């Protein structure tokens, strides 16, 4: 996926975060730290599972961690790699 395609993922990622993240995502930018915004470890699991369903990908153990789910940008990057 190109950078443009990755940026197209952002609204869908925001939707998943809004539904499963259990914190307000309206004022979070793509680069903001989601954990500082209120994302918990438990909510991260729900978000990961919802992202896997939405994008038909599976996060390998190597991508399951705070680094992957730290920001909307990092999530989009991971999904882009998984979908390639």
C-alpha atoms as a PDB file:
ATOM      1  CA  UNK A   1       0.000   0.000   0.000  1.00  0.00           C
ATOM      2  CA  UNK A   2       1.163   3.519  -0.720  1.00  0.00           C
ATOM      3  CA  UNK A   3       1.181   6.440   1.708  1.00  0.00           C
ATOM      4  CA  UNK A   4      -2.109   7.564   0.181  1.00  0.00           C
ATOM      5  CA  UNK A   5      -3.636   4.146   0.748  1.00  0.00           C
ATOM      6  CA  UNK A   6      -2.329   4.142   4.306  1.00  0.00           C
ATOM      7  CA  UNK A   7      -3.934   7.530   4.955  1.00  0.00           C
ATOM      8  CA  UNK A   8      -7.207   6.104   3.670  1.00  0.00           C
ATOM      9  CA  UNK A   9      -7.086   3.635   6.569  1.00  0.00           C
ATOM     10  CA  UNK A  10      -7.192   6.427   9.156  1.00  0.00           C
ATOM     11  CA  UNK A  11     -10.984   6.978   9.179  1.00  0.00           C
ATOM     12  CA  UNK A  12     -11.598   3.243   9.499  1.00  0.00           C
ATOM     13  CA  UNK A  13      -9.036   2.938  12.299  1.00  0.00           C
ATOM     14  CA  UNK A  14     -10.684   5.886  14.073  1.00  0.00           C
ATOM     15  CA  UNK A  15     -14.035   4.118  13.759  1.00  0.00           C
ATOM     16  CA  UNK A  16     -12.635   0.958  15.366  1.00  0.00           C
ATOM     17  CA  UNK A  17     -11.017   2.980  18.141  1.00  0.00           C
ATOM     18  CA  UNK A  18     -14.272   4.827  18.801  1.00  0.00           C
ATOM     19  CA  UNK A  19     -16.221   1.569  19.021  1.00  0.00           C
ATOM     20  CA  UNK A  20     -13.706  -0.574  20.922  1.00  0.00           C
ATOM     21  CA  UNK A  21     -11.077   1.717  22.473  1.00  0.00           C
ATOM     22  CA  UNK A  22     -13.168   2.919  25.410  1.00  0.00           C
ATOM     23  CA  UNK A  23     -11.771   6.456  25.269  1.00  0.00           C
ATOM     24  CA  UNK A  24     -12.707   9.631  23.336  1.00  0.00           C
ATOM     25  CA  UNK A  25     -10.884   9.669  19.986  1.00  0.00           C
ATOM     26  CA  UNK A  26     -12.448  12.814  18.532  1.00  0.00           C
ATOM     27  CA  UNK A  27      -9.573  15.117  19.513  1.00  0.00           C
ATOM     28  CA  UNK A  28      -6.733  12.651  18.964  1.00  0.00           C
ATOM     29  CA  UNK A  29      -4.420  13.310  16.033  1.00  0.00           C
ATOM     30  CA  UNK A  30      -2.877  10.523  13.996  1.00  0.00           C
ATOM     31  CA  UNK A  31       0.472  10.948  15.793  1.00  0.00           C
ATOM     32  CA  UNK A  32      -0.852  11.332  19.367  1.00  0.00           C
ATOM     33  CA  UNK A  33      -0.012   8.661  21.922  1.00  0.00           C
ATOM     34  CA  UNK A  34      -3.214   6.633  22.315  1.00  0.00           C
ATOM     35  CA  UNK A  35      -2.172   5.355  25.746  1.00  0.00           C
ATOM     36  CA  UNK A  36      -1.777   8.929  27.004  1.00  0.00           C
ATOM     37  CA  UNK A  37      -5.225   9.644  25.556  1.00  0.00           C
ATOM     38  CA  UNK A  38      -6.781   6.826  27.596  1.00  0.00           C
ATOM     39  CA  UNK A  39      -6.309   3.562  25.715  1.00  0.00           C
ATOM     40  CA  UNK A  40      -5.826   0.717  28.201  1.00  0.00           C
ATOM     41  CA  UNK A  41      -4.131  -2.642  27.729  1.00  0.00           C
ATOM     42  CA  UNK A  42      -7.493  -4.396  27.930  1.00  0.00           C
ATOM     43  CA  UNK A  43      -9.038  -2.091  25.335  1.00  0.00           C
ATOM     44  CA  UNK A  44      -6.001  -2.664  23.098  1.00  0.00           C
ATOM     45  CA  UNK A  45      -6.949  -6.336  22.834  1.00  0.00           C
ATOM     46  CA  UNK A  46     -10.498  -5.430  21.765  1.00  0.00           C
ATOM     47  CA  UNK A  47      -9.139  -2.913  19.248  1.00  0.00           C
ATOM     48  CA  UNK A  48      -6.672  -5.447  17.845  1.00  0.00           C
ATOM     49  CA  UNK A  49      -9.378  -8.081  17.355  1.00  0.00           C
ATOM     50  CA  UNK A  50     -11.704  -5.555  15.705  1.00  0.00           C
ATOM     51  CA  UNK A  51      -8.914  -4.376  13.389  1.00  0.00           C
ATOM     52  CA  UNK A  52      -8.151  -7.974  12.418  1.00  0.00           C
ATOM     53  CA  UNK A  53     -11.806  -8.500  11.496  1.00  0.00           C
ATOM     54  CA  UNK A  54     -12.185  -5.192   9.672  1.00  0.00           C
ATOM     55  CA  UNK A  55      -9.008  -5.463   7.590  1.00  0.00           C
ATOM     56  CA  UNK A  56      -8.856  -9.266   7.311  1.00  0.00           C
ATOM     57  CA  UNK A  57      -5.355  -9.433   8.790  1.00  0.00           C
ATOM     58  CA  UNK A  58      -3.780 -11.174  11.766  1.00  0.00           C
ATOM     59  CA  UNK A  59      -1.281  -9.436  14.013  1.00  0.00           C
ATOM     60  CA  UNK A  60       1.701 -11.749  14.618  1.00  0.00           C
ATOM     61  CA  UNK A  61       3.256 -11.898  18.077  1.00  0.00           C
ATOM     62  CA  UNK A  62       6.027  -9.581  16.900  1.00  0.00           C
ATOM     63  CA  UNK A  63       3.500  -6.778  16.327  1.00  0.00           C
ATOM     64  CA  UNK A  64       1.473  -7.231  19.486  1.00  0.00           C
ATOM     65  CA  UNK A  65       2.702  -4.484  21.769  1.00  0.00           C
ATOM     66  CA  UNK A  66       2.551  -0.842  22.718  1.00  0.00           C
ATOM     67  CA  UNK A  67       4.726   0.225  19.783  1.00  0.00           C
ATOM     68  CA  UNK A  68       2.168  -1.016  17.234  1.00  0.00           C
ATOM     69  CA  UNK A  69      -0.843   0.452  19.016  1.00  0.00           C
ATOM     70  CA  UNK A  70       0.794   3.668  20.240  1.00  0.00           C
ATOM     71  CA  UNK A  71      -0.802   5.897  17.591  1.00  0.00           C
ATOM     72  CA  UNK A  72      -3.198   5.829  14.689  1.00  0.00           C
ATOM     73  CA  UNK A  73      -0.190   6.243  12.390  1.00  0.00           C
ATOM     74  CA  UNK A  74       1.582   3.212  13.875  1.00  0.00           C
ATOM     75  CA  UNK A  75      -1.571   1.107  13.558  1.00  0.00           C
ATOM     76  CA  UNK A  76      -1.986   2.173   9.917  1.00  0.00           C
ATOM     77  CA  UNK A  77       1.646   1.315   9.227  1.00  0.00           C
ATOM     78  CA  UNK A  78       1.251  -2.149  10.759  1.00  0.00           C
ATOM     79  CA  UNK A  79      -1.932  -2.864   8.817  1.00  0.00           C
ATOM     80  CA  UNK A  80      -0.260  -1.686   5.618  1.00  0.00           C
ATOM     81  CA  UNK A  81       2.608  -4.134   6.195  1.00  0.00           C
ATOM     82  CA  UNK A  82       0.249  -6.990   7.036  1.00  0.00           C
ATOM     83  CA  UNK A  83      -1.933  -6.389   3.986  1.00  0.00           C
ATOM     84  CA  UNK A  84       1.043  -6.287   1.607  1.00  0.00           C
END
